[in-house]
């Protein structure tokens, strides 16, 4: 993530052409290989990039692998702007919380299922212009 002098955010990923877009929920090996190079187990990948074994995406991936043979290094979908914004938001949240990890892999799975939220972490941010609830800005009340 790069921030310009006028405070615009630029997202970069020089190896994105080789990383899979979608990752299986039941096998963390692709996540570890492609996305966990720091061994911190932080996971700022958008929740919709994970798929279940019985999903349409899993069937498509299996059919593609059977038809084309080795699919290593081939993209299995397009990373959307929404996915990138989610990841950028996680990085910014980590910066605003002085390095507190927003999600590790298991927390991301729980967030994806709806059993974990972000309100407790966001409430620790003192800046009233950063606090967000349900996608709307709510300044602190004096």
Protein backbone atom coordinates (compact mmCIF):
# COMPACT_ATOMS: atom_id res chain seq x y z
CA UNK A 1 0.00 0.00 0.00
CA UNK A 2 1.45 3.33 -1.03
CA UNK A 3 0.26 6.74 0.14
CA UNK A 4 0.96 9.72 -2.09
CA UNK A 5 1.82 13.23 -0.91
CA UNK A 6 -1.84 14.27 -1.40
CA UNK A 7 -2.89 11.31 0.83
CA UNK A 8 -4.28 9.15 -1.98
CA UNK A 9 -3.93 5.41 -1.44
CA UNK A 10 -2.41 3.26 -4.18
CA UNK A 11 -2.61 -0.52 -3.91
CA UNK A 12 0.20 -2.61 -5.36
CA UNK A 13 0.85 -6.30 -5.57
CA UNK A 14 3.58 -7.23 -7.98
CA UNK A 15 2.91 -10.94 -7.63
CA UNK A 16 -0.87 -10.78 -8.02
CA UNK A 17 -0.71 -12.45 -11.43
CA UNK A 18 0.43 -15.66 -9.75
CA UNK A 19 -1.71 -15.63 -6.60
CA UNK A 20 -5.08 -17.37 -6.59
CA UNK A 21 -8.10 -15.11 -6.35
CA UNK A 22 -10.17 -17.64 -4.42
CA UNK A 23 -9.02 -19.85 -1.56
CA UNK A 24 -10.62 -22.97 -0.06
CA UNK A 25 -11.91 -22.71 3.51
CA UNK A 26 -10.90 -26.27 4.33
CA UNK A 27 -7.27 -26.10 3.14
CA UNK A 28 -5.07 -23.23 4.39
CA UNK A 29 -2.03 -24.34 2.37
CA UNK A 30 -2.64 -21.86 -0.49
CA UNK A 31 -3.12 -19.06 2.03
CA UNK A 32 0.13 -19.98 3.79
CA UNK A 33 2.08 -20.30 0.55
CA UNK A 34 0.87 -17.17 -1.21
CA UNK A 35 -0.27 -14.76 1.50
CA UNK A 36 1.46 -15.58 4.81
CA UNK A 37 5.07 -14.87 3.98
CA UNK A 38 5.55 -12.95 7.23
CA UNK A 39 4.36 -15.93 9.34
CA UNK A 40 2.27 -13.48 11.41
CA UNK A 41 -0.91 -15.28 10.24
CA UNK A 42 -2.54 -11.92 9.52
CA UNK A 43 -5.32 -12.25 6.99
CA UNK A 44 -6.58 -9.15 5.24
CA UNK A 45 -8.04 -11.01 2.29
CA UNK A 46 -11.69 -10.13 1.62
CA UNK A 47 -14.04 -12.76 3.09
CA UNK A 48 -15.71 -13.41 -0.27
CA UNK A 49 -12.43 -14.77 -1.61
CA UNK A 50 -12.83 -17.91 0.52
CA UNK A 51 -15.05 -20.70 -0.73
CA UNK A 52 -16.58 -23.84 0.75
CA UNK A 53 -15.89 -27.32 -0.63
CA UNK A 54 -19.47 -27.74 -1.88
CA UNK A 55 -19.71 -24.34 -3.62
CA UNK A 56 -20.01 -23.61 -7.33
CA UNK A 57 -16.53 -22.12 -7.27
CA UNK A 58 -15.07 -25.39 -5.97
CA UNK A 59 -16.82 -27.30 -8.77
CA UNK A 60 -15.53 -24.84 -11.39
CA UNK A 61 -12.00 -25.04 -10.00
CA UNK A 62 -12.09 -28.85 -10.06
CA UNK A 63 -13.45 -28.89 -13.63
CA UNK A 64 -10.79 -26.44 -14.81
CA UNK A 65 -8.01 -28.48 -13.20
CA UNK A 66 -9.30 -31.66 -14.84
CA UNK A 67 -9.68 -30.05 -18.28
CA UNK A 68 -6.47 -28.04 -18.31
CA UNK A 69 -4.19 -30.19 -16.19
CA UNK A 70 -1.81 -28.13 -14.05
CA UNK A 71 -3.42 -24.78 -13.14
CA UNK A 72 -0.52 -23.50 -11.01
CA UNK A 73 0.20 -19.85 -11.72
CA UNK A 74 -3.13 -19.27 -13.48
CA UNK A 75 -5.67 -16.80 -12.13
CA UNK A 76 -8.99 -18.31 -11.09
CA UNK A 77 -10.98 -15.09 -11.16
CA UNK A 78 -10.69 -11.34 -11.03
CA UNK A 79 -9.91 -9.45 -7.84
CA UNK A 80 -12.59 -6.78 -7.60
CA UNK A 81 -12.29 -3.22 -6.38
CA UNK A 82 -14.42 -4.14 -3.34
CA UNK A 83 -11.95 -6.88 -2.38
CA UNK A 84 -9.07 -4.40 -2.59
CA UNK A 85 -10.93 -1.79 -0.53
CA UNK A 86 -11.57 -4.36 2.21
CA UNK A 87 -7.86 -5.23 2.34
CA UNK A 88 -6.83 -1.57 2.34
CA UNK A 89 -9.28 -0.90 5.18
CA UNK A 90 -7.68 -3.66 7.24
CA UNK A 91 -4.22 -2.17 6.72
CA UNK A 92 -5.46 1.30 7.66
CA UNK A 93 -7.20 -0.10 10.76
CA UNK A 94 -3.94 -1.76 11.81
CA UNK A 95 -2.14 1.56 11.40
CA UNK A 96 -4.80 3.41 13.44
CA UNK A 97 -4.59 0.84 16.24
CA UNK A 98 -0.79 1.03 16.51
CA UNK A 99 -0.10 -2.34 14.92
CA UNK A 100 -2.90 -4.44 16.40
CA UNK A 101 -3.69 -7.21 13.95
CA UNK A 102 -7.23 -6.85 12.65
CA UNK A 103 -7.71 -10.48 11.58
CA UNK A 104 -5.72 -13.66 11.70
CA UNK A 105 -6.89 -16.55 9.51
CA UNK A 106 -9.27 -18.10 12.04
CA UNK A 107 -10.71 -14.67 12.96
CA UNK A 108 -11.30 -14.00 9.25
CA UNK A 109 -13.26 -17.25 9.00
CA UNK A 110 -15.32 -16.23 12.05
CA UNK A 111 -15.89 -12.75 10.57
CA UNK A 112 -16.96 -14.37 7.30
CA UNK A 113 -19.50 -16.48 9.20
CA UNK A 114 -20.77 -13.43 11.09
CA UNK A 115 -19.73 -14.62 14.55
CA UNK A 116 -17.04 -11.92 15.03
CA UNK A 117 -17.39 -8.19 14.43
CA UNK A 118 -15.10 -5.19 14.39
CA UNK A 119 -16.96 -2.82 16.71
CA UNK A 120 -14.80 -3.62 19.78
CA UNK A 121 -11.60 -2.82 17.88
CA UNK A 122 -13.01 0.28 16.17
CA UNK A 123 -14.25 1.64 19.50
CA UNK A 124 -10.62 1.85 20.70
CA UNK A 125 -9.77 4.43 18.03
CA UNK A 126 -9.81 7.88 19.61
CA UNK A 127 -10.18 9.95 16.44
CA UNK A 128 -13.87 10.74 15.95
CA UNK A 129 -13.40 11.01 12.17
CA UNK A 130 -12.19 7.42 11.94
CA UNK A 131 -14.93 5.75 13.96
CA UNK A 132 -17.48 3.99 11.80
CA UNK A 133 -20.58 2.04 12.67
CA UNK A 134 -22.56 0.06 10.11
CA UNK A 135 -20.85 1.95 7.28
CA UNK A 136 -22.00 5.41 8.44
CA UNK A 137 -19.94 8.14 10.07
CA UNK A 138 -20.89 8.90 13.67
CA UNK A 139 -18.80 11.59 15.39
CA UNK A 140 -18.21 11.24 19.11
CA UNK A 141 -20.77 12.88 21.35
CA UNK A 142 -19.38 15.35 23.90
